[in-house]
Structures are given as C-alpha cells and as structure tokens.
Amino acid sequence: MGRFDGRNALVTGASLGIGRACALELAREGANVG
C-alpha cells in the first residue's frame, strides 16, 4: 500500500522535469494522477 492510495493528485507541468518526477512518484505511491 502506498501513502497516496485512493487519493487524487493534479500536477501541472508534468510533461518534463520536476513536474514529471513528482507525477511519477505520486503514481508509484498509489495516487490517481491527472
């Protein structure tokens, strides 16, 4: 179980750089990234 299972996360600028890294980590921890 991840820390963000069942939670939603909206990451702006997720196509590259820090935003992408954040989005990938949130998804890995179980968040629904949009």
Protein backbone atom coordinates (compact mmCIF):
# COMPACT_ATOMS: atom_id res chain seq x y z
CA MET A 1 0.00 0.00 0.00
CA GLY A 2 1.25 3.41 -0.94
CA ARG A 3 0.90 6.59 1.05
CA PHE A 4 -1.50 8.04 -1.53
CA ASP A 5 -3.74 5.05 -2.29
CA GLY A 6 -7.15 6.26 -3.42
CA ARG A 7 -6.16 9.93 -3.46
CA ASN A 8 -6.24 12.26 -6.45
CA ALA A 9 -3.32 14.46 -7.47
CA LEU A 10 -3.23 17.19 -10.08
CA VAL A 11 0.30 18.02 -11.19
CA THR A 12 0.87 20.97 -13.51
CA GLY A 13 3.89 20.84 -15.78
CA ALA A 14 4.05 17.05 -15.60
CA SER A 15 5.42 16.60 -19.11
CA LEU A 16 9.07 17.08 -18.13
CA GLY A 17 11.49 17.97 -15.36
CA ILE A 18 10.48 18.22 -11.73
CA GLY A 19 6.76 18.04 -12.53
CA ARG A 20 7.24 14.72 -14.34
CA ALA A 21 9.29 13.30 -11.47
CA CYS A 22 6.62 14.35 -8.98
CA ALA A 23 3.82 12.85 -11.06
CA LEU A 24 5.68 9.56 -11.46
CA GLU A 25 6.42 9.33 -7.74
CA LEU A 26 2.83 10.12 -6.79
CA ALA A 27 1.59 7.43 -9.19
CA ARG A 28 4.10 4.97 -7.77
CA GLU A 29 2.73 5.71 -4.30
CA GLY A 30 -0.82 4.93 -5.47
CA ALA A 31 -2.28 8.34 -6.35
CA ASN A 32 -4.59 8.91 -9.31
CA VAL A 33 -2.58 11.47 -11.26
CA GLY A 34 -4.37 13.83 -13.60
